[in-house]
N, C-alpha and C. Protein backbone atom coordinates (compact mmCIF):
# COMPACT_ATOMS: atom_id res chain seq x y z
N MET A 1 184.75 28.07 144.03
CA MET A 1 185.35 26.86 143.33
C MET A 1 185.23 26.30 144.76
N GLY A 2 185.23 24.82 144.84
CA GLY A 2 185.28 23.94 146.28
C GLY A 2 187.08 24.15 146.17
N GLU A 3 187.72 23.18 147.76
CA GLU A 3 188.18 23.36 147.72
C GLU A 3 189.34 22.28 147.18
N SER A 4 187.70 20.73 146.91
CA SER A 4 188.29 20.28 146.27
C SER A 4 188.96 20.24 144.77
N ARG A 5 188.20 20.61 144.00
CA ARG A 5 188.17 21.12 142.81
C ARG A 5 189.38 21.92 142.70
N ILE A 6 190.11 22.62 143.41
CA ILE A 6 191.47 23.21 143.33
C ILE A 6 192.26 22.02 143.53
N SER A 7 192.11 21.19 144.44
CA SER A 7 193.41 19.95 144.67
C SER A 7 193.09 19.43 143.33
N LYS A 8 192.15 19.08 142.96
CA LYS A 8 192.13 18.36 141.42
C LYS A 8 192.74 18.87 140.17
N LEU A 9 192.40 20.39 139.88
CA LEU A 9 192.89 20.65 138.96
C LEU A 9 194.05 21.14 139.34
N LEU A 10 194.87 21.77 140.45
CA LEU A 10 196.64 21.19 140.62
C LEU A 10 197.23 20.02 140.65
N SER A 11 196.52 18.87 140.30
CA SER A 11 196.73 18.01 140.52
C SER A 11 196.83 17.16 138.70
N GLN A 12 195.59 17.42 138.21
CA GLN A 12 195.88 17.87 136.86
C GLN A 12 197.12 17.97 136.60
N VAL A 13 197.63 19.67 136.68
CA VAL A 13 198.85 20.39 136.48
C VAL A 13 200.42 19.73 136.33
N ASP A 14 199.80 18.98 137.69
CA ASP A 14 201.58 18.35 138.19
C ASP A 14 201.47 17.54 137.03
N GLN A 15 200.59 16.68 136.52
CA GLN A 15 200.78 14.99 135.39
C GLN A 15 201.01 16.02 134.16
N HIS A 16 199.78 17.01 134.13
CA HIS A 16 200.56 17.30 132.72
C HIS A 16 202.17 17.93 132.77
N PHE A 17 202.39 18.36 133.68
CA PHE A 17 203.93 18.65 133.59
C PHE A 17 204.73 17.66 133.07
N GLY A 18 204.00 16.71 134.28
CA GLY A 18 205.49 14.88 134.47
C GLY A 18 205.88 14.77 133.40
N LYS A 19 204.43 14.64 132.15
CA LYS A 19 204.54 14.01 130.78
C LYS A 19 205.33 15.04 129.93
N CYS A 20 205.98 16.46 130.15
CA CYS A 20 206.67 17.49 129.71
C CYS A 20 208.00 16.84 128.84
N ALA A 21 208.19 16.82 127.53
CA ALA A 21 209.51 17.05 127.67
C ALA A 21 210.58 17.20 126.48
N VAL A 22 211.37 17.78 126.74
CA VAL A 22 212.21 18.38 124.85
C VAL A 22 212.90 17.89 124.30
N LEU A 23 212.31 17.90 123.09
CA LEU A 23 212.66 17.33 121.56
C LEU A 23 213.73 17.64 121.43
N ALA A 24 215.14 17.00 120.84
CA ALA A 24 215.81 16.94 120.43
C ALA A 24 216.20 17.66 118.87
N ALA A 25 216.59 19.28 118.94
CA ALA A 25 216.77 19.01 117.12
C ALA A 25 217.49 18.65 116.09
N ALA A 26 216.77 18.08 114.97
CA ALA A 26 217.16 17.41 113.92
C ALA A 26 218.50 18.52 113.26
N GLY A 27 219.45 17.59 113.06
CA GLY A 27 220.64 18.05 111.72
C GLY A 27 219.63 18.67 111.25
N VAL A 28 220.42 20.38 110.18
CA VAL A 28 220.12 20.56 109.33
C VAL A 28 220.97 21.11 108.15
N GLY A 29 220.79 21.32 106.72
CA GLY A 29 222.20 21.28 106.27
C GLY A 29 222.44 23.27 106.61
N ALA A 30 223.69 23.90 106.00
CA ALA A 30 224.11 25.33 105.48
C ALA A 30 223.53 26.44 105.79
N GLY A 31 223.52 27.54 105.73
CA GLY A 31 222.38 28.12 105.49
C GLY A 31 220.82 28.04 106.04
N VAL A 32 220.54 27.11 106.60
CA VAL A 32 219.04 26.60 106.95
C VAL A 32 218.91 26.88 108.23
N MET A 33 218.03 27.86 108.80
CA MET A 33 217.49 27.97 110.64
C MET A 33 216.46 26.96 111.27
N SER A 34 216.84 27.03 111.84
CA SER A 34 216.09 25.67 112.96
C SER A 34 215.07 26.24 114.25
N ALA A 35 213.77 25.76 114.34
CA ALA A 35 213.01 26.33 115.25
C ALA A 35 212.51 25.73 116.38
N PRO A 36 213.09 26.06 117.56
CA PRO A 36 212.86 25.29 118.49
C PRO A 36 211.69 24.50 119.15
N GLN A 37 211.72 23.44 119.56
CA GLN A 37 209.91 23.01 119.82
C GLN A 37 209.90 22.23 121.07
N THR A 38 208.79 22.11 121.78
CA THR A 38 208.94 21.08 122.56
C THR A 38 207.98 20.27 122.48
N ALA A 39 207.65 19.25 123.44
CA ALA A 39 206.56 18.13 123.79
C ALA A 39 205.84 18.38 124.46
N GLU A 40 204.66 18.03 124.72
CA GLU A 40 203.45 18.00 125.50
C GLU A 40 202.97 16.77 125.26
N ALA A 41 203.02 15.82 126.00
CA ALA A 41 202.86 14.06 125.56
C ALA A 41 203.24 13.94 124.78
N ALA A 42 201.88 14.10 123.75
CA ALA A 42 201.87 13.63 122.05
C ALA A 42 202.20 15.22 121.08
N ILE A 43 201.81 16.10 121.77
CA ILE A 43 201.87 17.69 121.54
C ILE A 43 202.95 18.18 121.11
N VAL A 44 203.61 18.37 120.00
CA VAL A 44 204.88 18.92 119.47
C VAL A 44 204.38 20.69 119.14
N HIS A 45 204.68 21.43 120.18
CA HIS A 45 204.54 22.50 119.97
C HIS A 45 206.08 23.50 119.78
N SER A 46 206.27 24.65 118.70
CA SER A 46 207.30 25.27 118.53
C SER A 46 207.55 26.36 119.38
N GLY A 47 206.75 26.41 119.79
CA GLY A 47 207.00 28.02 121.16
C GLY A 47 206.82 28.97 120.32
N ILE A 48 206.87 30.88 120.37
CA ILE A 48 206.55 31.85 119.73
C ILE A 48 208.01 31.39 118.78
N VAL A 49 207.83 31.32 117.38
CA VAL A 49 209.34 31.91 116.72
C VAL A 49 209.26 33.12 115.55
N ASN A 50 208.28 33.52 115.84
CA ASN A 50 207.73 35.01 114.57
C ASN A 50 208.39 34.61 113.67
N LEU A 51 208.42 33.85 112.77
CA LEU A 51 209.10 33.46 110.85
C LEU A 51 208.02 34.40 110.28
N THR A 52 209.16 35.36 109.67
CA THR A 52 208.80 36.40 108.80
C THR A 52 208.28 35.71 107.49
N ILE A 53 206.61 35.88 106.87
CA ILE A 53 206.16 35.24 105.69
C ILE A 53 206.98 36.09 104.73
N PRO A 54 207.88 36.08 103.50
CA PRO A 54 208.05 37.05 102.86
C PRO A 54 206.95 37.07 101.83
N SER A 55 206.88 38.55 101.35
CA SER A 55 206.01 39.20 100.62
C SER A 55 206.41 38.83 98.41
N THR A 56 206.35 37.39 99.14
CA THR A 56 207.56 37.32 97.40
C THR A 56 207.01 35.24 96.84
N THR A 57 207.75 35.31 95.82
CA THR A 57 207.44 33.96 95.21
C THR A 57 207.15 33.23 95.57
N ASN A 58 208.97 33.10 96.59
CA ASN A 58 208.85 31.91 97.38
C ASN A 58 208.17 31.92 98.96
N GLY A 59 207.88 32.67 99.62
CA GLY A 59 207.42 32.94 100.47
C GLY A 59 208.18 31.95 102.05
N LEU A 60 207.57 31.79 102.53
CA LEU A 60 208.35 30.40 103.48
C LEU A 60 207.74 29.36 103.60
N TYR A 61 208.74 28.40 103.23
CA TYR A 61 209.02 26.77 103.52
C TYR A 61 209.49 26.77 105.04
N LEU A 62 208.76 25.55 105.10
CA LEU A 62 208.81 25.18 106.91
C LEU A 62 208.81 23.70 106.62
N ASN A 63 209.53 22.69 107.22
CA ASN A 63 209.64 21.22 107.82
C ASN A 63 209.52 21.50 109.18
N VAL A 64 207.89 21.53 109.83
CA VAL A 64 207.86 20.83 111.05
C VAL A 64 208.59 20.26 112.26
N VAL A 65 208.61 19.04 111.14
CA VAL A 65 209.44 18.24 112.31
C VAL A 65 211.21 18.60 112.39
N THR A 66 211.72 18.84 111.18
CA THR A 66 213.20 19.18 112.06
C THR A 66 213.59 20.91 111.93
N GLY A 67 211.79 21.76 111.35
CA GLY A 67 212.30 23.00 111.87
C GLY A 67 213.42 23.96 111.08
N ALA A 68 213.15 23.23 109.32
CA ALA A 68 214.39 24.04 108.71
C ALA A 68 213.20 24.42 108.09
N LEU A 69 213.79 25.85 107.45
CA LEU A 69 213.32 26.62 106.66
C LEU A 69 214.00 27.08 105.72
N ASN A 70 213.52 28.14 104.63
CA ASN A 70 213.89 28.92 103.65
C ASN A 70 214.39 30.24 103.87
N GLU A 71 214.63 30.48 105.07
CA GLU A 71 215.38 31.78 105.68
C GLU A 71 216.59 31.84 106.63
N PRO A 72 217.61 32.89 106.39
CA PRO A 72 217.27 33.95 105.86
C PRO A 72 217.86 33.50 104.30
N GLY A 73 217.73 34.69 103.25
CA GLY A 73 217.92 34.46 101.53
C GLY A 73 216.81 33.97 100.66
N ASN A 74 215.48 33.73 101.67
CA ASN A 74 214.75 33.66 101.09
C ASN A 74 214.71 32.53 99.80
N THR A 75 215.19 31.71 99.93
CA THR A 75 215.10 30.51 98.30
C THR A 75 214.13 29.37 98.55
N GLY A 76 214.00 28.82 97.59
CA GLY A 76 212.49 28.04 97.23
C GLY A 76 212.82 26.99 97.72
N GLY A 77 212.10 26.13 97.75
CA GLY A 77 211.37 24.49 98.50
C GLY A 77 212.68 23.77 98.32
N GLY A 78 213.30 23.65 97.18
CA GLY A 78 214.13 22.72 97.43
C GLY A 78 215.35 22.79 98.22
N THR A 79 215.51 24.38 98.91
CA THR A 79 216.58 23.62 99.84
C THR A 79 216.12 23.29 101.27
N VAL A 80 214.73 23.22 101.56
CA VAL A 80 213.99 22.66 102.49
C VAL A 80 213.99 21.53 102.45
N PRO A 81 214.23 20.14 102.11
CA PRO A 81 214.21 18.67 102.51
C PRO A 81 213.05 18.31 103.06
N GLY A 82 211.63 17.38 102.80
CA GLY A 82 210.55 17.24 103.52
C GLY A 82 209.82 18.52 104.39
N TRP A 83 209.91 19.78 103.12
CA TRP A 83 208.82 21.21 103.60
C TRP A 83 207.86 20.50 103.35
N ASP A 84 206.97 20.91 104.84
CA ASP A 84 205.42 20.63 105.19
C ASP A 84 204.37 22.05 104.71
N ILE A 85 204.94 22.95 104.66
CA ILE A 85 204.03 24.01 104.89
C ILE A 85 204.84 25.61 103.74
N ASN A 86 203.75 26.02 102.92
CA ASN A 86 204.39 27.11 102.42
C ASN A 86 203.37 28.20 102.45
N PRO A 87 203.31 29.33 103.16
CA PRO A 87 202.43 30.41 102.88
C PRO A 87 203.18 31.21 102.16
N TRP A 88 202.88 31.75 100.98
CA TRP A 88 203.53 32.50 100.24
C TRP A 88 202.62 33.91 99.54
N SER A 89 203.31 34.82 98.59
CA SER A 89 202.29 35.57 97.83
C SER A 89 203.29 37.14 98.16
N SER A 90 202.65 38.12 96.82
CA SER A 90 203.43 39.45 97.20
C SER A 90 202.66 39.94 97.09
N SER A 91 201.18 40.08 96.88
CA SER A 91 199.53 40.39 96.33
C SER A 91 198.65 39.67 97.09
N ALA A 92 198.80 38.83 97.84
CA ALA A 92 197.68 38.02 98.88
C ALA A 92 198.33 37.57 100.01
N LEU A 93 198.06 36.19 100.17
CA LEU A 93 198.30 35.38 100.86
C LEU A 93 198.25 33.87 100.88
N ASN A 94 198.45 33.16 100.32
CA ASN A 94 198.30 32.00 99.06
C ASN A 94 199.17 30.82 100.18
N TYR A 95 198.57 29.64 99.67
CA TYR A 95 198.92 28.24 100.74
C TYR A 95 199.63 27.48 99.71
N PHE A 96 200.66 27.26 99.84
CA PHE A 96 201.05 25.94 98.81
C PHE A 96 201.30 24.88 99.37
N ASN A 97 200.95 23.56 98.41
CA ASN A 97 201.11 22.53 98.84
C ASN A 97 202.51 21.53 98.20
N PRO A 98 203.21 20.81 99.27
CA PRO A 98 204.51 19.88 98.89
C PRO A 98 203.38 18.71 97.98
N ALA A 99 204.12 17.82 97.72
CA ALA A 99 203.41 16.96 96.48
C ALA A 99 202.76 15.91 97.52
N ALA A 100 202.83 15.71 98.63
CA ALA A 100 202.15 14.83 99.42
C ALA A 100 201.54 15.23 100.70
N PRO A 101 200.48 14.81 101.37
CA PRO A 101 199.87 13.96 101.27
C PRO A 101 198.87 14.36 99.90
N ALA A 102 198.27 14.11 99.18
CA ALA A 102 197.57 14.23 97.57
C ALA A 102 196.06 15.12 98.43
N GLY A 103 195.19 15.83 97.71
CA GLY A 103 194.25 16.43 98.16
C GLY A 103 194.42 17.84 98.41
N GLY A 104 195.99 17.98 99.08
CA GLY A 104 195.87 19.79 99.78
C GLY A 104 196.24 19.42 101.20
N VAL A 105 196.79 20.34 101.65
CA VAL A 105 197.45 19.88 103.49
C VAL A 105 197.00 20.74 103.97
N TYR A 106 195.96 22.29 103.58
CA TYR A 106 195.28 23.56 104.36
C TYR A 106 193.68 23.36 104.81
N VAL A 107 193.42 23.17 105.75
CA VAL A 107 192.18 22.83 106.14
C VAL A 107 191.05 23.99 105.69
N GLN A 108 189.89 23.48 104.72
CA GLN A 108 189.65 24.84 103.85
C GLN A 108 188.02 24.87 105.06
N ARG A 109 187.35 25.92 104.71
CA ARG A 109 186.25 26.66 105.41
C ARG A 109 185.12 25.60 104.02
N ALA A 110 184.06 25.04 105.24
CA ALA A 110 182.43 25.01 104.72
C ALA A 110 182.80 24.87 103.56
N GLY A 111 182.94 24.18 102.64
CA GLY A 111 182.99 24.34 100.66
C GLY A 111 183.48 24.48 99.91
N GLY A 112 184.19 24.87 100.52
CA GLY A 112 185.77 25.39 100.24
C GLY A 112 185.73 26.65 99.74
N GLY A 113 186.80 26.95 98.93
CA GLY A 113 187.39 28.34 98.29
C GLY A 113 187.43 29.11 99.20
N ALA A 114 188.60 28.97 100.18
CA ALA A 114 189.32 29.57 101.05
C ALA A 114 190.02 28.96 101.80
N THR A 115 190.83 28.75 102.32
CA THR A 115 190.99 28.29 103.67
C THR A 115 190.87 28.89 104.59
N ALA A 116 190.76 28.36 105.87
CA ALA A 116 189.59 29.05 107.26
C ALA A 116 190.53 29.43 107.90
N ASN A 117 190.41 30.07 108.61
CA ASN A 117 190.41 30.57 110.06
C ASN A 117 189.79 30.33 111.31
N LEU A 118 190.89 28.80 111.10
CA LEU A 118 189.42 27.77 112.51
C LEU A 118 189.75 28.77 113.89
N PRO A 119 188.22 28.39 114.30
CA PRO A 119 187.62 28.84 115.58
C PRO A 119 188.68 28.33 116.57
N ALA A 120 189.08 28.95 117.56
CA ALA A 120 190.36 28.16 119.07
C ALA A 120 189.14 26.34 119.34
N GLY A 121 189.92 25.63 119.19
CA GLY A 121 189.27 24.32 119.24
C GLY A 121 188.53 23.53 118.27
N THR A 122 188.73 23.86 116.96
CA THR A 122 188.18 23.02 116.08
C THR A 122 189.46 21.93 115.78
N LEU A 123 188.42 20.71 116.24
CA LEU A 123 189.74 19.28 115.71
C LEU A 123 190.01 19.98 113.86
N ILE A 124 191.15 19.07 114.89
CA ILE A 124 191.90 19.19 112.83
C ILE A 124 191.87 17.50 113.02
N ASP A 125 191.87 16.51 111.80
CA ASP A 125 191.49 15.43 111.99
C ASP A 125 191.46 14.86 110.18
N GLY A 126 191.36 13.60 110.06
CA GLY A 126 191.51 12.43 108.90
C GLY A 126 189.67 13.03 108.55
N ALA A 127 188.94 13.79 108.93
CA ALA A 127 187.64 14.27 108.97
C ALA A 127 187.18 16.17 108.04
N SER A 128 188.82 16.33 108.10
CA SER A 128 188.57 18.10 107.85
C SER A 128 188.70 17.88 106.53
N LEU A 129 188.67 18.74 105.70
CA LEU A 129 188.10 19.34 104.05
C LEU A 129 189.97 20.38 104.07
N TYR A 130 189.84 19.24 103.15
CA TYR A 130 191.58 19.84 102.87
C TYR A 130 192.14 20.35 101.37
N GLY A 131 192.74 21.71 101.27
CA GLY A 131 193.15 21.69 99.79
C GLY A 131 194.39 23.11 100.04
N ASN A 132 194.35 23.86 99.04
CA ASN A 132 195.05 24.99 99.05
C ASN A 132 194.68 25.99 98.05
N SER A 133 193.76 25.90 98.94
CA SER A 133 193.22 27.57 98.85
C SER A 133 193.42 29.35 99.31
N ALA A 134 193.51 30.25 98.39
CA ALA A 134 193.86 31.30 98.92
C ALA A 134 193.33 32.04 100.49
N ALA A 135 194.13 32.60 101.11
CA ALA A 135 192.98 33.23 102.42
C ALA A 135 192.50 34.29 101.96
N SER A 136 191.21 34.48 102.61
CA SER A 136 190.21 35.46 102.56
C SER A 136 189.91 36.51 103.42
N THR A 137 189.37 37.71 103.52
CA THR A 137 189.32 38.45 104.48
C THR A 137 187.55 38.16 104.83
N ALA A 138 187.07 37.58 103.82
CA ALA A 138 185.29 37.77 103.44
C ALA A 138 184.65 36.58 103.34
N GLY A 139 183.28 36.14 103.72
CA GLY A 139 182.97 34.87 103.93
C GLY A 139 183.35 34.13 105.23
N ALA A 140 182.89 33.30 105.21
CA ALA A 140 182.75 32.52 106.64
C ALA A 140 184.13 31.84 107.05
N THR A 141 184.93 32.19 107.98
CA THR A 141 185.88 31.86 108.30
C THR A 141 186.86 32.04 108.26
N PRO A 142 186.53 34.19 107.97
CA PRO A 142 188.06 35.26 107.62
C PRO A 142 188.89 34.80 107.91
N HIS A 143 190.32 35.23 107.17
CA HIS A 143 191.49 35.93 107.64
C HIS A 143 191.15 36.98 108.99
N LEU A 144 192.09 37.02 109.98
CA LEU A 144 191.90 38.81 110.13
C LEU A 144 192.73 39.87 110.07
N LEU A 145 192.63 40.87 109.47
CA LEU A 145 194.03 41.71 109.55
C LEU A 145 194.18 42.23 110.59
N ASN A 146 195.38 43.17 110.44
CA ASN A 146 195.90 43.37 112.17
C ASN A 146 195.70 42.64 113.34
N SER A 147 195.95 41.67 113.30
CA SER A 147 195.54 40.45 114.31
C SER A 147 196.40 39.45 114.25
N ASN A 148 196.54 38.70 115.27
CA ASN A 148 197.53 37.30 115.01
C ASN A 148 196.87 36.33 115.35
N GLU A 149 195.29 36.48 115.55
CA GLU A 149 194.31 35.39 115.66
C GLU A 149 193.76 34.74 114.48
N ASN A 150 194.86 34.18 113.86
CA ASN A 150 194.44 33.52 112.52
C ASN A 150 195.04 32.05 112.52
N LEU A 151 194.32 31.22 112.82
CA LEU A 151 194.73 29.76 112.55
C LEU A 151 194.13 29.11 111.82
N ILE A 152 195.72 28.29 111.17
CA ILE A 152 195.76 27.84 110.34
C ILE A 152 195.94 25.96 110.10
N GLY A 153 194.96 25.42 109.59
CA GLY A 153 195.09 23.81 109.97
C GLY A 153 195.50 23.19 109.27
N PHE A 154 196.67 22.09 109.05
CA PHE A 154 197.40 20.92 108.08
C PHE A 154 197.49 20.10 108.85
N ARG A 155 197.69 18.60 107.89
CA ARG A 155 198.13 17.84 107.32
C ARG A 155 199.48 17.39 107.02
N PHE A 156 200.31 16.29 107.80
CA PHE A 156 201.66 16.25 106.71
C PHE A 156 201.96 14.83 106.61
N GLN A 157 202.60 14.12 105.70
CA GLN A 157 203.44 13.24 105.60
C GLN A 157 204.71 13.17 106.09
N ASP A 158 204.97 12.48 107.84
CA ASP A 158 206.44 12.74 108.85
C ASP A 158 207.26 11.61 107.53
N GLU A 159 207.84 12.36 107.04
CA GLU A 159 209.24 11.27 106.47
C GLU A 159 210.12 10.42 107.60
N THR A 160 209.99 11.18 109.00
CA THR A 160 210.91 10.92 109.81
C THR A 160 210.11 9.49 110.53
N ASP A 161 208.70 9.37 110.34
CA ASP A 161 207.51 8.46 111.12
C ASP A 161 207.14 7.73 110.03
N GLY A 162 207.83 6.52 108.57
CA GLY A 162 207.22 6.17 108.30
C GLY A 162 205.92 6.87 106.96
N ASN A 163 206.82 7.99 107.19
CA ASN A 163 205.53 8.68 105.63
C ASN A 163 203.99 8.57 106.39
N CYS A 164 203.36 8.58 107.86
CA CYS A 164 202.53 8.52 108.14
C CYS A 164 201.97 10.20 107.81
N THR A 165 200.48 9.95 108.11
CA THR A 165 199.90 11.50 107.94
C THR A 165 199.72 11.98 109.55
N LYS A 166 200.31 13.13 109.78
CA LYS A 166 199.88 13.56 110.39
C LYS A 166 199.17 15.25 111.00
N PHE A 167 198.75 15.63 112.09
CA PHE A 167 197.86 16.71 111.82
C PHE A 167 198.44 17.81 112.86
N GLY A 168 198.07 18.97 111.98
CA GLY A 168 198.41 20.36 112.90
C GLY A 168 198.20 21.46 112.84
N TRP A 169 198.58 22.56 113.23
CA TRP A 169 197.89 23.97 113.33
C TRP A 169 199.01 25.05 113.56
N PHE A 170 199.21 25.93 112.59
CA PHE A 170 200.26 27.24 112.87
C PHE A 170 199.24 28.40 113.39
N ARG A 171 199.67 29.83 113.37
CA ARG A 171 199.33 30.62 113.67
C ARG A 171 199.90 31.63 113.14
N VAL A 172 198.64 33.13 112.12
CA VAL A 172 199.76 33.77 110.90
C VAL A 172 199.10 34.82 112.21
N SER A 173 199.42 36.04 112.18
CA SER A 173 199.60 37.46 112.21
C SER A 173 200.32 39.03 110.89
N LEU A 174 199.12 39.02 110.88
CA LEU A 174 198.59 39.71 109.35
C LEU A 174 198.61 41.42 109.77
N SER A 175 199.13 42.12 109.11
CA SER A 175 199.09 43.71 108.84
C SER A 175 197.71 44.29 108.28
N THR A 176 198.03 45.26 107.90
CA THR A 176 196.81 46.16 106.93
C THR A 176 196.77 45.34 106.41
N SER A 177 197.11 44.46 105.72
CA SER A 177 196.30 43.79 103.92
C SER A 177 197.04 42.31 104.47
N LEU A 178 196.08 41.59 103.23
CA LEU A 178 197.05 40.19 103.28
C LEU A 178 198.50 39.71 103.10
N SER A 179 199.31 40.96 101.94
CA SER A 179 200.43 40.69 101.79
C SER A 179 201.50 41.86 102.51
N SER A 180 200.93 42.76 103.05
CA SER A 180 202.02 43.63 103.46
C SER A 180 202.28 43.09 104.92
N GLN A 181 203.74 43.94 104.86
CA GLN A 181 204.49 43.31 105.74
C GLN A 181 204.34 44.45 107.24
N PRO A 182 204.33 43.93 108.32
CA PRO A 182 204.75 42.71 108.79
C PRO A 182 203.72 41.54 108.65
N ARG A 183 203.93 40.75 108.19
CA ARG A 183 203.40 39.31 108.56
C ARG A 183 203.94 38.05 109.14
N ALA A 184 203.40 37.57 109.70
CA ALA A 184 204.60 36.34 110.48
C ALA A 184 203.73 34.97 110.67
N LEU A 185 204.60 33.74 110.46
CA LEU A 185 203.71 32.70 111.26
C LEU A 185 204.58 32.80 112.80
N VAL A 186 203.63 32.76 113.46
CA VAL A 186 203.78 32.95 115.01
C VAL A 186 204.07 31.72 115.66
N GLU A 187 203.35 31.07 115.59
CA GLU A 187 203.76 29.60 116.20
C GLU A 187 203.03 28.14 115.69
N TYR A 188 203.89 27.43 116.14
CA TYR A 188 203.08 26.08 115.31
C TYR A 188 203.09 25.25 115.89
N ALA A 189 202.14 23.67 115.78
CA ALA A 189 201.87 22.51 116.79
C ALA A 189 201.49 21.14 115.99
N TYR A 190 201.46 20.50 116.58
CA TYR A 190 201.12 19.20 115.81
C TYR A 190 201.06 18.15 116.23
N ASP A 191 200.27 16.94 116.82
CA ASP A 191 199.91 15.86 117.27
C ASP A 191 201.47 14.91 116.95
N ASN A 192 202.26 14.03 117.46
CA ASN A 192 202.90 12.83 117.44
C ASN A 192 202.76 11.66 117.11
N THR A 193 201.62 11.72 117.08
CA THR A 193 200.95 10.23 116.82
C THR A 193 200.23 10.76 115.98
N CYS A 194 201.12 9.51 114.83
CA CYS A 194 200.48 9.18 113.78
C CYS A 194 198.63 9.23 113.21
N GLY A 195 198.01 9.94 112.82
CA GLY A 195 196.61 9.59 112.54
C GLY A 195 195.49 10.57 113.55
N VAL A 196 196.12 10.92 114.89
CA VAL A 196 195.65 11.59 115.60
C VAL A 196 195.21 13.23 115.51
N GLY A 197 193.84 13.61 115.57
CA GLY A 197 193.65 14.93 114.97
C GLY A 197 194.32 15.89 116.75
N ILE A 198 194.01 17.38 115.95
CA ILE A 198 194.28 17.89 117.08
C ILE A 198 193.42 19.26 117.30
N PRO A 199 193.39 20.34 118.43
CA PRO A 199 192.12 20.86 118.41
C PRO A 199 193.17 22.47 117.94
N ALA A 200 192.78 23.34 116.68
CA ALA A 200 193.39 23.68 117.30
C ALA A 200 193.94 25.27 118.18
N GLY A 201 195.29 25.91 118.08
CA GLY A 201 195.17 26.98 119.31
C GLY A 201 195.73 26.22 120.60
N VAL A 202 195.90 24.58 120.71
CA VAL A 202 195.99 23.61 121.73
C VAL A 202 196.82 24.29 122.59
N PRO A 203 196.47 24.69 124.22
CA PRO A 203 197.72 25.56 124.80
C PRO A 203 198.90 25.15 124.59
N GLU A 204 199.48 25.72 125.06
CA GLU A 204 201.33 25.47 125.16
C GLU A 204 201.24 24.77 126.66
N PRO A 205 202.12 24.44 127.33
CA PRO A 205 202.39 23.89 128.33
C PRO A 205 202.07 24.86 129.20
N GLY A 206 202.65 26.35 129.52
CA GLY A 206 202.49 26.93 130.63
C GLY A 206 201.31 27.08 130.65
N SER A 207 200.25 27.05 130.18
CA SER A 207 199.18 27.36 129.98
C SER A 207 197.74 27.19 131.10
N LEU A 208 198.05 25.89 131.70
CA LEU A 208 197.58 25.19 132.74
C LEU A 208 198.16 25.93 134.01
N ALA A 209 199.66 26.46 133.94
CA ALA A 209 199.51 26.57 135.03
C ALA A 209 199.27 27.54 135.53
N LEU A 210 199.33 28.43 134.62
CA LEU A 210 198.79 29.92 134.55
C LEU A 210 197.07 29.65 135.59
N LEU A 211 196.47 28.69 134.32
CA LEU A 211 194.94 28.35 135.02
C LEU A 211 194.61 28.14 136.38
N ALA A 212 195.00 27.34 136.76
CA ALA A 212 195.63 26.42 138.08
C ALA A 212 196.19 27.96 139.22
N MET A 213 196.88 28.57 138.91
CA MET A 213 197.53 29.78 139.85
C MET A 213 196.25 30.58 139.90
N GLY A 214 195.06 31.13 138.94
CA GLY A 214 193.92 31.53 138.87
C GLY A 214 193.33 31.34 139.42
N ALA A 215 193.38 29.69 139.75
CA ALA A 215 191.77 29.34 140.33
C ALA A 215 192.38 29.03 141.61
N ALA A 216 192.79 29.01 142.46
CA ALA A 216 193.88 29.16 143.03
C ALA A 216 193.78 30.92 144.52
N GLY A 217 193.92 31.93 143.51
CA GLY A 217 194.67 33.10 144.01
C GLY A 217 192.76 33.04 143.95
N MET A 218 192.27 33.03 143.54
CA MET A 218 190.72 33.14 143.36
C MET A 218 189.66 32.71 145.23
N PHE A 219 190.93 31.00 145.01
CA PHE A 219 189.65 30.59 146.56
C PHE A 219 190.62 30.88 147.56
N ILE A 220 191.73 31.91 147.09
CA ILE A 220 192.45 32.48 148.48
C ILE A 220 190.85 33.69 149.52
N ARG A 221 191.43 34.34 148.09
CA ARG A 221 190.76 35.62 147.56
C ARG A 221 189.34 35.13 148.99
N ARG A 222 188.26 34.24 148.54
CA ARG A 222 187.43 34.20 149.02
C ARG A 222 187.59 33.43 150.22
N ARG A 223 188.02 32.61 150.81
CA ARG A 223 188.44 32.34 151.98
C ARG A 223 189.01 33.24 152.89
N LYS A 224 189.71 34.39 152.35
CA LYS A 224 190.33 35.75 153.18
C LYS A 224 188.69 36.38 152.97
């Protein structure tokens, strides 16, 4: 890699971090936990949160904007105002929809029939196919057991921003089956601009810095 390309990459990293800011956490009710969030330009990323998805009929209710959720205590969705996603089930891994937006909130595999495990970089936007089908370990874009490489796309209505539709993804870690523990929501992210899509698994802010340092190190070694 040439020196000019290294300089350009480092310049891009500087611009990248110049846009990063910390979002203030919104207040939530008693007994409700909140997840830390960071913003990269318009991308809001939760960081690594490792929220348990209980093997129950309640599962994990989460408001991705405020970070409000139904843990500890595994209560129902009524305890999480404006919840956006709900992975659940004691015998499988199901995805439950809130009332809006109509037509489902989770990206489905082509042809429907199951919520997709999206390849990294897949664009999640208004053209995606949405529904609330259960996870599957068979067929196209299957969920992977004993893995945290499960990227689920979703859309939601942001009640703090005029109920406009926004797009995001979350990462699920699974054990030996779809229902067994431990299973967790590892991290999540969404584009904070109404109607703008987001690539599944878009990297958190530190990734570009590591890429730049690695590229710079390779260049220095080649020079030596």
